[in-house]
Amino acid sequence: MPTLTIPYNNDLLITNGQSLKALERELQFLLAVKLFEIQRLSLGKAAEFCQMSKISFMYELVQESRSIQTIRNPIFSKNRIS
């Protein structure tokens, strides 16, 4: 499986007070959310991307104050026909 390397300073860990592993999981989740929002990944693939079940991923989306209905609502699609 291909990997993506994102360089960051150690102060990012200090600022957030997180362990390296926790920060990496959070960044992976946020990337999956963004890819889901722009419809590059389905819900299942986004969950798989960050190694979560669909249910866990949906729960975390809600915790991040994101509504799946709003994200997937066709009126927000840039390819929408007016």
PDB file of N, CA and C in Angstrom:
ATOM      1  N   MET A   1       0.842  -1.172   0.000  1.00  0.00           N
ATOM      2  CA  MET A   1       0.000   0.000   0.000  1.00  0.00           C
ATOM      3  C   MET A   1       0.893   1.243   0.000  1.00  0.00           C
ATOM      4  N   PRO A   2       0.608   2.217  -0.873  1.00  0.00           N
ATOM      5  CA  PRO A   2       1.388   3.451  -0.886  1.00  0.00           C
ATOM      6  C   PRO A   2       1.210   4.227   0.423  1.00  0.00           C
ATOM      7  N   THR A   3       2.210   4.998   0.777  1.00  0.00           N
ATOM      8  CA  THR A   3       2.123   5.822   1.976  1.00  0.00           C
ATOM      9  C   THR A   3       2.360   7.280   1.610  1.00  0.00           C
ATOM     10  N   LEU A   4       1.887   8.156   2.458  1.00  0.00           N
ATOM     11  CA  LEU A   4       2.041   9.592   2.293  1.00  0.00           C
ATOM     12  C   LEU A   4       2.807  10.097   3.498  1.00  0.00           C
ATOM     13  N   THR A   5       3.854  10.859   3.258  1.00  0.00           N
ATOM     14  CA  THR A   5       4.635  11.430   4.344  1.00  0.00           C
ATOM     15  C   THR A   5       4.389  12.924   4.386  1.00  0.00           C
ATOM     16  N   ILE A   6       3.996  13.426   5.539  1.00  0.00           N
ATOM     17  CA  ILE A   6       3.756  14.856   5.731  1.00  0.00           C
ATOM     18  C   ILE A   6       4.697  15.349   6.824  1.00  0.00           C
ATOM     19  N   PRO A   7       5.649  16.185   6.454  1.00  0.00           N
ATOM     20  CA  PRO A   7       6.568  16.702   7.476  1.00  0.00           C
ATOM     21  C   PRO A   7       5.863  17.719   8.388  1.00  0.00           C
ATOM     22  N   TYR A   8       6.190  17.692   9.661  1.00  0.00           N
ATOM     23  CA  TYR A   8       5.666  18.669  10.616  1.00  0.00           C
ATOM     24  C   TYR A   8       6.671  18.830  11.740  1.00  0.00           C
ATOM     25  N   ASN A   9       6.616  19.981  12.403  1.00  0.00           N
ATOM     26  CA  ASN A   9       7.524  20.265  13.510  1.00  0.00           C
ATOM     27  C   ASN A   9       7.048  19.598  14.791  1.00  0.00           C
ATOM     28  N   ASN A  10       7.989  19.331  15.684  1.00  0.00           N
ATOM     29  CA  ASN A  10       7.641  18.713  16.966  1.00  0.00           C
ATOM     30  C   ASN A  10       6.749  19.602  17.816  1.00  0.00           C
ATOM     31  N   ASP A  11       6.796  20.949  17.589  1.00  0.00           N
ATOM     32  CA  ASP A  11       5.946  21.817  18.402  1.00  0.00           C
ATOM     33  C   ASP A  11       4.464  21.567  18.140  1.00  0.00           C
ATOM     34  N   LEU A  12       4.133  20.941  17.023  1.00  0.00           N
ATOM     35  CA  LEU A  12       2.744  20.570  16.777  1.00  0.00           C
ATOM     36  C   LEU A  12       2.280  19.561  17.832  1.00  0.00           C
ATOM     37  N   LEU A  13       3.172  18.666  18.210  1.00  0.00           N
ATOM     38  CA  LEU A  13       2.852  17.701  19.269  1.00  0.00           C
ATOM     39  C   LEU A  13       2.716  18.409  20.612  1.00  0.00           C
ATOM     40  N   ILE A  14       3.606  19.338  20.882  1.00  0.00           N
ATOM     41  CA  ILE A  14       3.585  20.056  22.159  1.00  0.00           C
ATOM     42  C   ILE A  14       2.334  20.920  22.257  1.00  0.00           C
ATOM     43  N   THR A  15       2.004  21.628  21.172  1.00  0.00           N
ATOM     44  CA  THR A  15       0.840  22.509  21.146  1.00  0.00           C
ATOM     45  C   THR A  15      -0.441  21.734  21.411  1.00  0.00           C
ATOM     46  N   ASN A  16      -0.563  20.580  20.797  1.00  0.00           N
ATOM     47  CA  ASN A  16      -1.775  19.775  20.949  1.00  0.00           C
ATOM     48  C   ASN A  16      -1.764  18.907  22.190  1.00  0.00           C
ATOM     49  N   GLY A  17      -0.607  18.688  22.763  1.00  0.00           N
ATOM     50  CA  GLY A  17      -0.512  17.819  23.930  1.00  0.00           C
ATOM     51  C   GLY A  17      -0.831  16.368  23.614  1.00  0.00           C
ATOM     52  N   GLN A  18      -0.628  15.980  22.351  1.00  0.00           N
ATOM     53  CA  GLN A  18      -0.946  14.620  21.928  1.00  0.00           C
ATOM     54  C   GLN A  18       0.331  13.815  21.717  1.00  0.00           C
ATOM     55  N   SER A  19       0.166  12.519  21.773  1.00  0.00           N
ATOM     56  CA  SER A  19       1.272  11.640  21.406  1.00  0.00           C
ATOM     57  C   SER A  19       1.404  11.646  19.890  1.00  0.00           C
ATOM     58  N   LEU A  20       2.520  11.202  19.412  1.00  0.00           N
ATOM     59  CA  LEU A  20       2.744  11.119  17.968  1.00  0.00           C
ATOM     60  C   LEU A  20       1.681  10.248  17.307  1.00  0.00           C
ATOM     61  N   LYS A  21       1.384   9.114  17.897  1.00  0.00           N
ATOM     62  CA  LYS A  21       0.383   8.188  17.348  1.00  0.00           C
ATOM     63  C   LYS A  21      -1.003   8.840  17.294  1.00  0.00           C
ATOM     64  N   ALA A  22      -1.385   9.542  18.366  1.00  0.00           N
ATOM     65  CA  ALA A  22      -2.699  10.198  18.409  1.00  0.00           C
ATOM     66  C   ALA A  22      -2.790  11.297  17.359  1.00  0.00           C
ATOM     67  N   LEU A  23      -1.726  12.062  17.183  1.00  0.00           N
ATOM     68  CA  LEU A  23      -1.717  13.119  16.169  1.00  0.00           C
ATOM     69  C   LEU A  23      -1.838  12.529  14.767  1.00  0.00           C
ATOM     70  N   GLU A  24      -1.113  11.468  14.497  1.00  0.00           N
ATOM     71  CA  GLU A  24      -1.175  10.836  13.183  1.00  0.00           C
ATOM     72  C   GLU A  24      -2.564  10.276  12.896  1.00  0.00           C
ATOM     73  N   ARG A  25      -3.206   9.683  13.890  1.00  0.00           N
ATOM     74  CA  ARG A  25      -4.571   9.164  13.707  1.00  0.00           C
ATOM     75  C   ARG A  25      -5.555  10.307  13.450  1.00  0.00           C
ATOM     76  N   GLU A  26      -5.391  11.413  14.181  1.00  0.00           N
ATOM     77  CA  GLU A  26      -6.267  12.561  13.974  1.00  0.00           C
ATOM     78  C   GLU A  26      -6.093  13.143  12.570  1.00  0.00           C
ATOM     79  N   LEU A  27      -4.865  13.296  12.124  1.00  0.00           N
ATOM     80  CA  LEU A  27      -4.612  13.834  10.789  1.00  0.00           C
ATOM     81  C   LEU A  27      -5.157  12.905   9.709  1.00  0.00           C
ATOM     82  N   GLN A  28      -5.011  11.611   9.914  1.00  0.00           N
ATOM     83  CA  GLN A  28      -5.543  10.637   8.964  1.00  0.00           C
ATOM     84  C   GLN A  28      -7.070  10.720   8.913  1.00  0.00           C
ATOM     85  N   PHE A  29      -7.709  10.853  10.070  1.00  0.00           N
ATOM     86  CA  PHE A  29      -9.157  10.995  10.130  1.00  0.00           C
ATOM     87  C   PHE A  29      -9.615  12.263   9.421  1.00  0.00           C
ATOM     88  N   LEU A  30      -8.937  13.386   9.696  1.00  0.00           N
ATOM     89  CA  LEU A  30      -9.327  14.658   9.084  1.00  0.00           C
ATOM     90  C   LEU A  30      -9.161  14.630   7.566  1.00  0.00           C
ATOM     91  N   LEU A  31      -8.142  13.951   7.088  1.00  0.00           N
ATOM     92  CA  LEU A  31      -7.969  13.804   5.643  1.00  0.00           C
ATOM     93  C   LEU A  31      -9.100  12.952   5.059  1.00  0.00           C
ATOM     94  N   ALA A  32      -9.462  11.891   5.738  1.00  0.00           N
ATOM     95  CA  ALA A  32     -10.571  11.040   5.282  1.00  0.00           C
ATOM     96  C   ALA A  32     -11.873  11.836   5.245  1.00  0.00           C
ATOM     97  N   VAL A  33     -12.103  12.668   6.266  1.00  0.00           N
ATOM     98  CA  VAL A  33     -13.312  13.497   6.309  1.00  0.00           C
ATOM     99  C   VAL A  33     -13.334  14.443   5.114  1.00  0.00           C
ATOM    100  N   LYS A  34     -12.223  15.097   4.839  1.00  0.00           N
ATOM    101  CA  LYS A  34     -12.172  16.035   3.721  1.00  0.00           C
ATOM    102  C   LYS A  34     -12.402  15.319   2.386  1.00  0.00           C
ATOM    103  N   LEU A  35     -11.774  14.177   2.203  1.00  0.00           N
ATOM    104  CA  LEU A  35     -11.965  13.422   0.969  1.00  0.00           C
ATOM    105  C   LEU A  35     -13.415  12.950   0.829  1.00  0.00           C
ATOM    106  N   PHE A  36     -14.046  12.627   1.947  1.00  0.00           N
ATOM    107  CA  PHE A  36     -15.461  12.268   1.941  1.00  0.00           C
ATOM    108  C   PHE A  36     -16.322  13.484   1.588  1.00  0.00           C
ATOM    109  N   GLU A  37     -16.009  14.638   2.187  1.00  0.00           N
ATOM    110  CA  GLU A  37     -16.765  15.864   1.931  1.00  0.00           C
ATOM    111  C   GLU A  37     -16.743  16.250   0.458  1.00  0.00           C
ATOM    112  N   ILE A  38     -15.597  16.105  -0.182  1.00  0.00           N
ATOM    113  CA  ILE A  38     -15.499  16.496  -1.596  1.00  0.00           C
ATOM    114  C   ILE A  38     -15.837  15.335  -2.525  1.00  0.00           C
ATOM    115  N   GLN A  39     -16.374  14.283  -1.936  1.00  0.00           N
ATOM    116  CA  GLN A  39     -16.886  13.117  -2.657  1.00  0.00           C
ATOM    117  C   GLN A  39     -15.819  12.371  -3.463  1.00  0.00           C
ATOM    118  N   ARG A  40     -14.609  12.375  -2.948  1.00  0.00           N
ATOM    119  CA  ARG A  40     -13.555  11.559  -3.541  1.00  0.00           C
ATOM    120  C   ARG A  40     -13.565  10.156  -2.960  1.00  0.00           C
ATOM    121  N   LEU A  41     -14.103  10.031  -1.730  1.00  0.00           N
ATOM    122  CA  LEU A  41     -14.245   8.730  -1.080  1.00  0.00           C
ATOM    123  C   LEU A  41     -15.686   8.550  -0.629  1.00  0.00           C
ATOM    124  N   SER A  42     -16.171   7.331  -0.746  1.00  0.00           N
ATOM    125  CA  SER A  42     -17.484   6.996  -0.180  1.00  0.00           C
ATOM    126  C   SER A  42     -17.346   6.928   1.341  1.00  0.00           C
ATOM    127  N   LEU A  43     -18.460   6.830   2.018  1.00  0.00           N
ATOM    128  CA  LEU A  43     -18.433   6.705   3.475  1.00  0.00           C
ATOM    129  C   LEU A  43     -17.618   5.483   3.897  1.00  0.00           C
ATOM    130  N   GLY A  44     -17.869   4.355   3.238  1.00  0.00           N
ATOM    131  CA  GLY A  44     -17.152   3.120   3.578  1.00  0.00           C
ATOM    132  C   GLY A  44     -15.663   3.223   3.321  1.00  0.00           C
ATOM    133  N   LYS A  45     -15.286   3.819   2.176  1.00  0.00           N
ATOM    134  CA  LYS A  45     -13.862   3.963   1.845  1.00  0.00           C
ATOM    135  C   LYS A  45     -13.173   4.962   2.770  1.00  0.00           C
ATOM    136  N   ALA A  46     -13.890   6.023   3.164  1.00  0.00           N
ATOM    137  CA  ALA A  46     -13.319   6.992   4.098  1.00  0.00           C
ATOM    138  C   ALA A  46     -13.064   6.335   5.455  1.00  0.00           C
ATOM    139  N   ALA A  47     -14.017   5.512   5.900  1.00  0.00           N
ATOM    140  CA  ALA A  47     -13.844   4.785   7.159  1.00  0.00           C
ATOM    141  C   ALA A  47     -12.669   3.825   7.063  1.00  0.00           C
ATOM    142  N   GLU A  48     -12.598   3.126   5.952  1.00  0.00           N
ATOM    143  CA  GLU A  48     -11.504   2.184   5.718  1.00  0.00           C
ATOM    144  C   GLU A  48     -10.155   2.917   5.683  1.00  0.00           C
ATOM    145  N   PHE A  49     -10.130   4.099   5.064  1.00  0.00           N
ATOM    146  CA  PHE A  49      -8.911   4.902   4.945  1.00  0.00           C
ATOM    147  C   PHE A  49      -8.306   5.199   6.317  1.00  0.00           C
ATOM    148  N   CYS A  50      -9.169   5.489   7.293  1.00  0.00           N
ATOM    149  CA  CYS A  50      -8.643   5.791   8.626  1.00  0.00           C
ATOM    150  C   CYS A  50      -8.819   4.616   9.593  1.00  0.00           C
ATOM    151  N   GLN A  51      -8.994   3.431   9.026  1.00  0.00           N
ATOM    152  CA  GLN A  51      -9.030   2.180   9.782  1.00  0.00           C
ATOM    153  C   GLN A  51     -10.098   2.181  10.878  1.00  0.00           C
ATOM    154  N   MET A  52     -11.307   2.608  10.481  1.00  0.00           N
ATOM    155  CA  MET A  52     -12.447   2.633  11.393  1.00  0.00           C
ATOM    156  C   MET A  52     -13.599   1.876  10.744  1.00  0.00           C
ATOM    157  N   SER A  53     -14.546   1.454  11.567  1.00  0.00           N
ATOM    158  CA  SER A  53     -15.784   0.899  11.019  1.00  0.00           C
ATOM    159  C   SER A  53     -16.622   2.064  10.500  1.00  0.00           C
ATOM    160  N   LYS A  54     -17.600   1.761   9.641  1.00  0.00           N
ATOM    161  CA  LYS A  54     -18.484   2.818   9.137  1.00  0.00           C
ATOM    162  C   LYS A  54     -19.208   3.521  10.288  1.00  0.00           C
ATOM    163  N   ILE A  55     -19.683   2.731  11.232  1.00  0.00           N
ATOM    164  CA  ILE A  55     -20.423   3.286  12.370  1.00  0.00           C
ATOM    165  C   ILE A  55     -19.531   4.223  13.183  1.00  0.00           C
ATOM    166  N   SER A  56     -18.299   3.803  13.450  1.00  0.00           N
ATOM    167  CA  SER A  56     -17.369   4.647  14.209  1.00  0.00           C
ATOM    168  C   SER A  56     -17.057   5.927  13.453  1.00  0.00           C
ATOM    169  N   PHE A  57     -16.869   5.801  12.138  1.00  0.00           N
ATOM    170  CA  PHE A  57     -16.567   6.971  11.321  1.00  0.00           C
ATOM    171  C   PHE A  57     -17.746   7.951  11.338  1.00  0.00           C
ATOM    172  N   MET A  58     -18.976   7.435  11.186  1.00  0.00           N
ATOM    173  CA  MET A  58     -20.154   8.303  11.230  1.00  0.00           C
ATOM    174  C   MET A  58     -20.281   8.977  12.595  1.00  0.00           C
ATOM    175  N   TYR A  59     -20.032   8.228  13.657  1.00  0.00           N
ATOM    176  CA  TYR A  59     -20.097   8.794  15.003  1.00  0.00           C
ATOM    177  C   TYR A  59     -19.099   9.929  15.155  1.00  0.00           C
ATOM    178  N   GLU A  60     -17.872   9.711  14.690  1.00  0.00           N
ATOM    179  CA  GLU A  60     -16.836  10.739  14.788  1.00  0.00           C
ATOM    180  C   GLU A  60     -17.180  11.957  13.928  1.00  0.00           C
ATOM    181  N   LEU A  61     -17.817  11.741  12.783  1.00  0.00           N
ATOM    182  CA  LEU A  61     -18.271  12.869  11.963  1.00  0.00           C
ATOM    183  C   LEU A  61     -19.238  13.740  12.752  1.00  0.00           C
ATOM    184  N   VAL A  62     -20.166  13.097  13.435  1.00  0.00           N
ATOM    185  CA  VAL A  62     -21.135  13.839  14.238  1.00  0.00           C
ATOM    186  C   VAL A  62     -20.414  14.568  15.370  1.00  0.00           C
ATOM    187  N   GLN A  63     -19.458  13.909  15.984  1.00  0.00           N
ATOM    188  CA  GLN A  63     -18.695  14.543  17.059  1.00  0.00           C
ATOM    189  C   GLN A  63     -17.929  15.765  16.550  1.00  0.00           C
ATOM    190  N   GLU A  64     -17.537  15.736  15.311  1.00  0.00           N
ATOM    191  CA  GLU A  64     -16.839  16.869  14.693  1.00  0.00           C
ATOM    192  C   GLU A  64     -17.831  17.906  14.184  1.00  0.00           C
ATOM    193  N   SER A  65     -19.088  17.772  14.590  1.00  0.00           N
ATOM    194  CA  SER A  65     -20.165  18.682  14.185  1.00  0.00           C
ATOM    195  C   SER A  65     -20.350  18.735  12.678  1.00  0.00           C
ATOM    196  N   ARG A  66     -20.221  17.591  12.057  1.00  0.00           N
ATOM    197  CA  ARG A  66     -20.461  17.489  10.636  1.00  0.00           C
ATOM    198  C   ARG A  66     -21.698  16.616  10.445  1.00  0.00           C
ATOM    199  N   SER A  67     -22.589  17.037   9.620  1.00  0.00           N
ATOM    200  CA  SER A  67     -23.789  16.269   9.350  1.00  0.00           C
ATOM    201  C   SER A  67     -23.631  15.549   8.021  1.00  0.00           C
ATOM    202  N   ILE A  68     -23.782  14.247   8.028  1.00  0.00           N
ATOM    203  CA  ILE A  68     -23.659  13.473   6.792  1.00  0.00           C
ATOM    204  C   ILE A  68     -24.686  13.951   5.773  1.00  0.00           C
ATOM    205  N   GLN A  69     -25.869  14.302   6.235  1.00  0.00           N
ATOM    206  CA  GLN A  69     -26.887  14.781   5.301  1.00  0.00           C
ATOM    207  C   GLN A  69     -26.450  16.085   4.653  1.00  0.00           C
ATOM    208  N   THR A  70     -25.848  16.987   5.392  1.00  0.00           N
ATOM    209  CA  THR A  70     -25.387  18.257   4.853  1.00  0.00           C
ATOM    210  C   THR A  70     -24.226  18.047   3.893  1.00  0.00           C
ATOM    211  N   ILE A  71     -23.306  17.179   4.265  1.00  0.00           N
ATOM    212  CA  ILE A  71     -22.145  16.928   3.423  1.00  0.00           C
ATOM    213  C   ILE A  71     -22.575  16.329   2.094  1.00  0.00           C
ATOM    214  N   ARG A  72     -23.529  15.410   2.112  1.00  0.00           N
ATOM    215  CA  ARG A  72     -23.954  14.708   0.914  1.00  0.00           C
ATOM    216  C   ARG A  72     -25.141  15.369   0.212  1.00  0.00           C
ATOM    217  N   ASN A  73     -25.628  16.492   0.734  1.00  0.00           N
ATOM    218  CA  ASN A  73     -26.785  17.152   0.150  1.00  0.00           C
ATOM    219  C   ASN A  73     -26.430  17.662  -1.247  1.00  0.00           C
ATOM    220  N   PRO A  74     -27.211  17.298  -2.261  1.00  0.00           N
ATOM    221  CA  PRO A  74     -26.897  17.690  -3.641  1.00  0.00           C
ATOM    222  C   PRO A  74     -26.837  19.194  -3.866  1.00  0.00           C
ATOM    223  N   ILE A  75     -27.493  20.007  -3.021  1.00  0.00           N
ATOM    224  CA  ILE A  75     -27.441  21.446  -3.264  1.00  0.00           C
ATOM    225  C   ILE A  75     -26.052  22.015  -3.002  1.00  0.00           C
ATOM    226  N   PHE A  76     -25.202  21.251  -2.320  1.00  0.00           N
ATOM    227  CA  PHE A  76     -23.849  21.705  -2.068  1.00  0.00           C
ATOM    228  C   PHE A  76     -22.858  21.170  -3.098  1.00  0.00           C
ATOM    229  N   SER A  77     -23.313  20.372  -4.007  1.00  0.00           N
ATOM    230  CA  SER A  77     -22.448  19.792  -5.026  1.00  0.00           C
ATOM    231  C   SER A  77     -22.057  20.838  -6.046  1.00  0.00           C
ATOM    232  N   LYS A  78     -20.758  20.912  -6.375  1.00  0.00           N
ATOM    233  CA  LYS A  78     -20.311  21.903  -7.347  1.00  0.00           C
ATOM    234  C   LYS A  78     -20.734  21.532  -8.773  1.00  0.00           C
ATOM    235  N   ASN A  79     -21.157  20.294  -8.998  1.00  0.00           N
ATOM    236  CA  ASN A  79     -21.611  19.871 -10.308  1.00  0.00           C
ATOM    237  C   ASN A  79     -23.124  19.954 -10.450  1.00  0.00           C
ATOM    238  N   ARG A  80     -23.760  20.645  -9.538  1.00  0.00           N
ATOM    239  CA  ARG A  80     -25.216  20.748  -9.499  1.00  0.00           C
ATOM    240  C   ARG A  80     -25.732  21.517 -10.707  1.00  0.00           C
ATOM    241  N   ILE A  81     -26.861  21.069 -11.237  1.00  0.00           N
ATOM    242  CA  ILE A  81     -27.527  21.761 -12.338  1.00  0.00           C
ATOM    243  C   ILE A  81     -28.572  22.693 -11.728  1.00  0.00           C
ATOM    244  N   SER A  82     -28.513  23.980 -12.032  1.00  0.00           N
ATOM    245  CA  SER A  82     -29.445  24.963 -11.471  1.00  0.00           C
ATOM    246  C   SER A  82     -30.724  25.015 -12.265  1.00  0.00           C
TER     247      SER A  82
END
